[in-house]
């Protein structure tokens, strides 16, 4: 009844570490891709003068509200 948990073998541990490293590299690549896409979309939106004006006005009014509180 008092069986101690068994540690996995070094080979299994190394395989697990290798798998997690691959997953981390894939996640880093996906995050970098999303960052580039976000930057492209923001650049596209801000290249439209009306959208840029509206966004700047919205951001400015939100910061003014925070300062007024």
PDB file of N, CA and C in Angstrom:
ATOM      1  N   UNK A   1       0.814  -1.195   0.000  1.00  0.00           N
ATOM      2  CA  UNK A   1       0.000   0.000   0.000  1.00  0.00           C
ATOM      3  C   UNK A   1       0.858   1.260   0.000  1.00  0.00           C
ATOM      4  N   UNK A   2       2.015   1.185   0.581  1.00  0.00           N
ATOM      5  CA  UNK A   2       2.898   2.348   0.628  1.00  0.00           C
ATOM      6  C   UNK A   2       3.911   2.310  -0.504  1.00  0.00           C
ATOM      7  N   UNK A   3       3.453   2.162  -1.686  1.00  0.00           N
ATOM      8  CA  UNK A   3       4.393   2.122  -2.804  1.00  0.00           C
ATOM      9  C   UNK A   3       4.867   3.528  -3.130  1.00  0.00           C
ATOM     10  N   UNK A   4       6.149   3.679  -3.276  1.00  0.00           N
ATOM     11  CA  UNK A   4       6.749   4.962  -3.603  1.00  0.00           C
ATOM     12  C   UNK A   4       6.587   5.224  -5.099  1.00  0.00           C
ATOM     13  N   UNK A   5       6.367   6.479  -5.472  1.00  0.00           N
ATOM     14  CA  UNK A   5       6.283   6.774  -6.902  1.00  0.00           C
ATOM     15  C   UNK A   5       7.638   6.524  -7.562  1.00  0.00           C
ATOM     16  N   UNK A   6       7.590   5.981  -8.737  1.00  0.00           N
ATOM     17  CA  UNK A   6       8.811   5.659  -9.464  1.00  0.00           C
ATOM     18  C   UNK A   6       9.193   6.819 -10.368  1.00  0.00           C
ATOM     19  N   UNK A   7      10.459   7.173 -10.345  1.00  0.00           N
ATOM     20  CA  UNK A   7      10.955   8.198 -11.249  1.00  0.00           C
ATOM     21  C   UNK A   7      11.119   7.595 -12.639  1.00  0.00           C
ATOM     22  N   UNK A   8      10.789   8.380 -13.666  1.00  0.00           N
ATOM     23  CA  UNK A   8      10.974   7.851 -15.014  1.00  0.00           C
ATOM     24  C   UNK A   8      12.465   7.698 -15.331  1.00  0.00           C
ATOM     25  N   UNK A   9      12.733   6.878 -16.278  1.00  0.00           N
ATOM     26  CA  UNK A   9      14.124   6.646 -16.662  1.00  0.00           C
ATOM     27  C   UNK A   9      14.708   7.905 -17.299  1.00  0.00           C
ATOM     28  N   UNK A  10      16.022   8.059 -17.301  1.00  0.00           N
ATOM     29  CA  UNK A  10      16.642   9.240 -17.915  1.00  0.00           C
ATOM     30  C   UNK A  10      16.289   9.394 -19.397  1.00  0.00           C
ATOM     31  N   UNK A  11      16.101   8.289 -20.094  1.00  0.00           N
ATOM     32  CA  UNK A  11      15.739   8.358 -21.512  1.00  0.00           C
ATOM     33  C   UNK A  11      14.360   8.978 -21.697  1.00  0.00           C
ATOM     34  N   UNK A  12      13.426   8.571 -20.840  1.00  0.00           N
ATOM     35  CA  UNK A  12      12.067   9.121 -20.918  1.00  0.00           C
ATOM     36  C   UNK A  12      12.084  10.597 -20.537  1.00  0.00           C
ATOM     37  N   UNK A  13      12.857  10.950 -19.522  1.00  0.00           N
ATOM     38  CA  UNK A  13      12.963  12.361 -19.134  1.00  0.00           C
ATOM     39  C   UNK A  13      13.537  13.200 -20.276  1.00  0.00           C
ATOM     40  N   UNK A  14      14.587  12.693 -20.931  1.00  0.00           N
ATOM     41  CA  UNK A  14      15.200  13.437 -22.031  1.00  0.00           C
ATOM     42  C   UNK A  14      14.231  13.585 -23.194  1.00  0.00           C
ATOM     43  N   UNK A  15      13.467  12.539 -23.478  1.00  0.00           N
ATOM     44  CA  UNK A  15      12.484  12.599 -24.562  1.00  0.00           C
ATOM     45  C   UNK A  15      11.414  13.646 -24.234  1.00  0.00           C
ATOM     46  N   UNK A  16      10.983  13.695 -22.987  1.00  0.00           N
ATOM     47  CA  UNK A  16       9.989  14.684 -22.562  1.00  0.00           C
ATOM     48  C   UNK A  16      10.540  16.098 -22.697  1.00  0.00           C
ATOM     49  N   UNK A  17      11.770  16.295 -22.264  1.00  0.00           N
ATOM     50  CA  UNK A  17      12.409  17.613 -22.377  1.00  0.00           C
ATOM     51  C   UNK A  17      12.527  18.017 -23.845  1.00  0.00           C
ATOM     52  N   UNK A  18      12.947  17.101 -24.693  1.00  0.00           N
ATOM     53  CA  UNK A  18      13.074  17.391 -26.126  1.00  0.00           C
ATOM     54  C   UNK A  18      11.729  17.770 -26.735  1.00  0.00           C
ATOM     55  N   UNK A  19      10.680  17.048 -26.357  1.00  0.00           N
ATOM     56  CA  UNK A  19       9.343  17.356 -26.868  1.00  0.00           C
ATOM     57  C   UNK A  19       8.896  18.747 -26.444  1.00  0.00           C
ATOM     58  N   UNK A  20       9.142  19.108 -25.174  1.00  0.00           N
ATOM     59  CA  UNK A  20       8.755  20.432 -24.691  1.00  0.00           C
ATOM     60  C   UNK A  20       9.551  21.534 -25.385  1.00  0.00           C
ATOM     61  N   UNK A  21      10.812  21.267 -25.688  1.00  0.00           N
ATOM     62  CA  UNK A  21      11.614  22.252 -26.402  1.00  0.00           C
ATOM     63  C   UNK A  21      11.057  22.497 -27.801  1.00  0.00           C
ATOM     64  N   UNK A  22      10.637  21.441 -28.471  1.00  0.00           N
ATOM     65  CA  UNK A  22      10.029  21.577 -29.803  1.00  0.00           C
ATOM     66  C   UNK A  22       8.734  22.376 -29.702  1.00  0.00           C
ATOM     67  N   UNK A  23       7.934  22.088 -28.702  1.00  0.00           N
ATOM     68  CA  UNK A  23       6.677  22.814 -28.509  1.00  0.00           C
ATOM     69  C   UNK A  23       6.947  24.292 -28.257  1.00  0.00           C
ATOM     70  N   UNK A  24       7.945  24.604 -27.439  1.00  0.00           N
ATOM     71  CA  UNK A  24       8.283  26.005 -27.146  1.00  0.00           C
ATOM     72  C   UNK A  24       8.740  26.737 -28.401  1.00  0.00           C
ATOM     73  N   UNK A  25       9.526  26.088 -29.236  1.00  0.00           N
ATOM     74  CA  UNK A  25       9.977  26.708 -30.491  1.00  0.00           C
ATOM     75  C   UNK A  25       8.782  26.976 -31.398  1.00  0.00           C
ATOM     76  N   UNK A  26       7.868  26.023 -31.477  1.00  0.00           N
ATOM     77  CA  UNK A  26       6.667  26.218 -32.313  1.00  0.00           C
ATOM     78  C   UNK A  26       5.806  27.365 -31.781  1.00  0.00           C
ATOM     79  N   UNK A  27       5.644  27.437 -30.466  1.00  0.00           N
ATOM     80  CA  UNK A  27       4.857  28.523 -29.880  1.00  0.00           C
ATOM     81  C   UNK A  27       5.534  29.874 -30.118  1.00  0.00           C
ATOM     82  N   UNK A  28       6.844  29.930 -29.980  1.00  0.00           N
ATOM     83  CA  UNK A  28       7.576  31.170 -30.252  1.00  0.00           C
ATOM     84  C   UNK A  28       7.378  31.614 -31.697  1.00  0.00           C
ATOM     85  N   UNK A  29       7.409  30.668 -32.615  1.00  0.00           N
ATOM     86  CA  UNK A  29       7.192  30.992 -34.032  1.00  0.00           C
ATOM     87  C   UNK A  29       5.777  31.510 -34.266  1.00  0.00           C
ATOM     88  N   UNK A  30       4.806  30.883 -33.633  1.00  0.00           N
ATOM     89  CA  UNK A  30       3.419  31.321 -33.787  1.00  0.00           C
ATOM     90  C   UNK A  30       3.217  32.713 -33.205  1.00  0.00           C
ATOM     91  N   UNK A  31       3.826  32.984 -32.070  1.00  0.00           N
ATOM     92  CA  UNK A  31       3.710  34.310 -31.454  1.00  0.00           C
ATOM     93  C   UNK A  31       4.356  35.363 -32.342  1.00  0.00           C
ATOM     94  N   UNK A  32       5.516  35.046 -32.917  1.00  0.00           N
ATOM     95  CA  UNK A  32       6.182  35.994 -33.813  1.00  0.00           C
ATOM     96  C   UNK A  32       5.319  36.264 -35.039  1.00  0.00           C
ATOM     97  N   UNK A  33       4.680  35.236 -35.566  1.00  0.00           N
ATOM     98  CA  UNK A  33       3.795  35.410 -36.718  1.00  0.00           C
ATOM     99  C   UNK A  33       2.609  36.301 -36.363  1.00  0.00           C
ATOM    100  N   UNK A  34       2.017  36.087 -35.197  1.00  0.00           N
ATOM    101  CA  UNK A  34       0.903  36.920 -34.760  1.00  0.00           C
ATOM    102  C   UNK A  34       1.342  38.364 -34.530  1.00  0.00           C
ATOM    103  N   UNK A  35       2.537  38.555 -33.993  1.00  0.00           N
ATOM    104  CA  UNK A  35       3.053  39.911 -33.804  1.00  0.00           C
ATOM    105  C   UNK A  35       3.203  40.634 -35.135  1.00  0.00           C
ATOM    106  N   UNK A  36       3.752  39.931 -36.134  1.00  0.00           N
ATOM    107  CA  UNK A  36       3.907  40.548 -37.457  1.00  0.00           C
ATOM    108  C   UNK A  36       2.550  40.863 -38.076  1.00  0.00           C
ATOM    109  N   UNK A  37       1.593  39.947 -37.934  1.00  0.00           N
ATOM    110  CA  UNK A  37       0.256  40.182 -38.481  1.00  0.00           C
ATOM    111  C   UNK A  37      -0.397  41.374 -37.793  1.00  0.00           C
ATOM    112  N   UNK A  38      -0.262  41.471 -36.493  1.00  0.00           N
ATOM    113  CA  UNK A  38      -0.825  42.591 -35.740  1.00  0.00           C
ATOM    114  C   UNK A  38      -0.219  43.904 -36.207  1.00  0.00           C
ATOM    115  N   UNK A  39       1.092  43.915 -36.396  1.00  0.00           N
ATOM    116  CA  UNK A  39       1.775  45.131 -36.848  1.00  0.00           C
ATOM    117  C   UNK A  39       1.299  45.540 -38.243  1.00  0.00           C
ATOM    118  N   UNK A  40       1.138  44.556 -39.131  1.00  0.00           N
ATOM    119  CA  UNK A  40       0.669  44.855 -40.490  1.00  0.00           C
ATOM    120  C   UNK A  40      -0.746  45.410 -40.477  1.00  0.00           C
ATOM    121  N   UNK A  41      -1.615  44.814 -39.665  1.00  0.00           N
ATOM    122  CA  UNK A  41      -3.003  45.276 -39.589  1.00  0.00           C
ATOM    123  C   UNK A  41      -3.059  46.680 -39.002  1.00  0.00           C
ATOM    124  N   UNK A  42      -2.291  46.925 -37.955  1.00  0.00           N
ATOM    125  CA  UNK A  42      -2.294  48.249 -37.352  1.00  0.00           C
ATOM    126  C   UNK A  42      -1.764  49.298 -38.330  1.00  0.00           C
ATOM    127  N   UNK A  43      -0.721  48.961 -39.065  1.00  0.00           N
ATOM    128  CA  UNK A  43      -0.177  49.872 -40.071  1.00  0.00           C
ATOM    129  C   UNK A  43      -1.215  50.162 -41.147  1.00  0.00           C
ATOM    130  N   UNK A  44      -1.924  49.133 -41.567  1.00  0.00           N
ATOM    131  CA  UNK A  44      -2.955  49.301 -42.589  1.00  0.00           C
ATOM    132  C   UNK A  44      -4.086  50.194 -42.084  1.00  0.00           C
ATOM    133  N   UNK A  45      -4.513  49.957 -40.866  1.00  0.00           N
ATOM    134  CA  UNK A  45      -5.604  50.756 -40.315  1.00  0.00           C
ATOM    135  C   UNK A  45      -5.169  52.210 -40.159  1.00  0.00           C
ATOM    136  N   UNK A  46      -3.962  52.418 -39.635  1.00  0.00           N
ATOM    137  CA  UNK A  46      -3.506  53.782 -39.411  1.00  0.00           C
ATOM    138  C   UNK A  46      -3.150  54.511 -40.697  1.00  0.00           C
ATOM    139  N   UNK A  47      -3.021  53.783 -41.824  1.00  0.00           N
ATOM    140  CA  UNK A  47      -2.758  54.445 -43.098  1.00  0.00           C
ATOM    141  C   UNK A  47      -4.030  55.100 -43.647  1.00  0.00           C
ATOM    142  N   UNK A  48      -5.170  54.709 -43.117  1.00  0.00           N
ATOM    143  CA  UNK A  48      -6.438  55.332 -43.494  1.00  0.00           C
ATOM    144  C   UNK A  48      -6.608  56.566 -42.605  1.00  0.00           C
ATOM    145  N   UNK A  49      -6.618  57.766 -43.191  1.00  0.00           N
ATOM    146  CA  UNK A  49      -6.667  58.985 -42.374  1.00  0.00           C
ATOM    147  C   UNK A  49      -7.879  59.067 -41.441  1.00  0.00           C
ATOM    148  N   UNK A  50      -9.023  58.623 -41.899  1.00  0.00           N
ATOM    149  CA  UNK A  50     -10.224  58.699 -41.061  1.00  0.00           C
ATOM    150  C   UNK A  50     -10.110  57.746 -39.876  1.00  0.00           C
ATOM    151  N   UNK A  51      -9.655  56.531 -40.135  1.00  0.00           N
ATOM    152  CA  UNK A  51      -9.507  55.562 -39.053  1.00  0.00           C
ATOM    153  C   UNK A  51      -8.453  56.034 -38.053  1.00  0.00           C
ATOM    154  N   UNK A  52      -7.360  56.572 -38.561  1.00  0.00           N
ATOM    155  CA  UNK A  52      -6.300  57.070 -37.670  1.00  0.00           C
ATOM    156  C   UNK A  52      -6.830  58.201 -36.797  1.00  0.00           C
ATOM    157  N   UNK A  53      -7.592  59.109 -37.382  1.00  0.00           N
ATOM    158  CA  UNK A  53      -8.166  60.220 -36.616  1.00  0.00           C
ATOM    159  C   UNK A  53      -9.092  59.702 -35.528  1.00  0.00           C
ATOM    160  N   UNK A  54      -9.944  58.757 -35.896  1.00  0.00           N
ATOM    161  CA  UNK A  54     -10.894  58.210 -34.920  1.00  0.00           C
ATOM    162  C   UNK A  54     -10.170  57.485 -33.789  1.00  0.00           C
ATOM    163  N   UNK A  55      -9.164  56.682 -34.141  1.00  0.00           N
ATOM    164  CA  UNK A  55      -8.440  55.950 -33.111  1.00  0.00           C
ATOM    165  C   UNK A  55      -7.670  56.884 -32.195  1.00  0.00           C
ATOM    166  N   UNK A  56      -7.037  57.886 -32.770  1.00  0.00           N
ATOM    167  CA  UNK A  56      -6.295  58.830 -31.939  1.00  0.00           C
ATOM    168  C   UNK A  56      -7.242  59.603 -31.031  1.00  0.00           C
ATOM    169  N   UNK A  57      -8.392  59.984 -31.535  1.00  0.00           N
ATOM    170  CA  UNK A  57      -9.371  60.684 -30.712  1.00  0.00           C
ATOM    171  C   UNK A  57      -9.895  59.803 -29.606  1.00  0.00           C
ATOM    172  N   UNK A  58     -10.140  58.531 -29.914  1.00  0.00           N
ATOM    173  CA  UNK A  58     -10.644  57.591 -28.914  1.00  0.00           C
ATOM    174  C   UNK A  58      -9.603  57.365 -27.831  1.00  0.00           C
ATOM    175  N   UNK A  59      -8.358  57.159 -28.230  1.00  0.00           N
ATOM    176  CA  UNK A  59      -7.300  56.925 -27.246  1.00  0.00           C
ATOM    177  C   UNK A  59      -7.089  58.156 -26.380  1.00  0.00           C
ATOM    178  N   UNK A  60      -7.142  59.320 -26.985  1.00  0.00           N
ATOM    179  CA  UNK A  60      -6.933  60.551 -26.218  1.00  0.00           C
ATOM    180  C   UNK A  60      -8.068  60.757 -25.222  1.00  0.00           C
ATOM    181  N   UNK A  61      -9.308  60.509 -25.642  1.00  0.00           N
ATOM    182  CA  UNK A  61     -10.430  60.715 -24.727  1.00  0.00           C
ATOM    183  C   UNK A  61     -10.397  59.690 -23.598  1.00  0.00           C
ATOM    184  N   UNK A  62      -9.935  58.483 -23.860  1.00  0.00           N
ATOM    185  CA  UNK A  62      -9.851  57.476 -22.804  1.00  0.00           C
ATOM    186  C   UNK A  62      -8.791  57.879 -21.784  1.00  0.00           C
ATOM    187  N   UNK A  63      -7.663  58.393 -22.256  1.00  0.00           N
ATOM    188  CA  UNK A  63      -6.632  58.806 -21.306  1.00  0.00           C
ATOM    189  C   UNK A  63      -7.085  60.032 -20.521  1.00  0.00           C
ATOM    190  N   UNK A  64      -7.843  60.937 -21.156  1.00  0.00           N
ATOM    191  CA  UNK A  64      -8.355  62.082 -20.429  1.00  0.00           C
ATOM    192  C   UNK A  64      -9.299  61.639 -19.317  1.00  0.00           C
ATOM    193  N   UNK A  65     -10.132  60.640 -19.600  1.00  0.00           N
ATOM    194  CA  UNK A  65     -11.050  60.142 -18.590  1.00  0.00           C
ATOM    195  C   UNK A  65     -10.287  59.548 -17.408  1.00  0.00           C
ATOM    196  N   UNK A  66      -9.187  58.852 -17.693  1.00  0.00           N
ATOM    197  CA  UNK A  66      -8.394  58.273 -16.614  1.00  0.00           C
ATOM    198  C   UNK A  66      -7.764  59.361 -15.758  1.00  0.00           C
ATOM    199  N   UNK A  67      -7.318  60.444 -16.404  1.00  0.00           N
ATOM    200  CA  UNK A  67      -6.696  61.520 -15.651  1.00  0.00           C
ATOM    201  C   UNK A  67      -7.727  62.308 -14.834  1.00  0.00           C
ATOM    202  N   UNK A  68      -8.962  62.381 -15.321  1.00  0.00           N
ATOM    203  CA  UNK A  68      -9.990  63.131 -14.619  1.00  0.00           C
ATOM    204  C   UNK A  68     -10.474  62.404 -13.352  1.00  0.00           C
ATOM    205  N   UNK A  69     -10.338  61.081 -13.326  1.00  0.00           N
ATOM    206  CA  UNK A  69     -10.831  60.306 -12.164  1.00  0.00           C
ATOM    207  C   UNK A  69      -9.998  60.474 -10.944  1.00  0.00           C
TER     208      UNK A  69
END
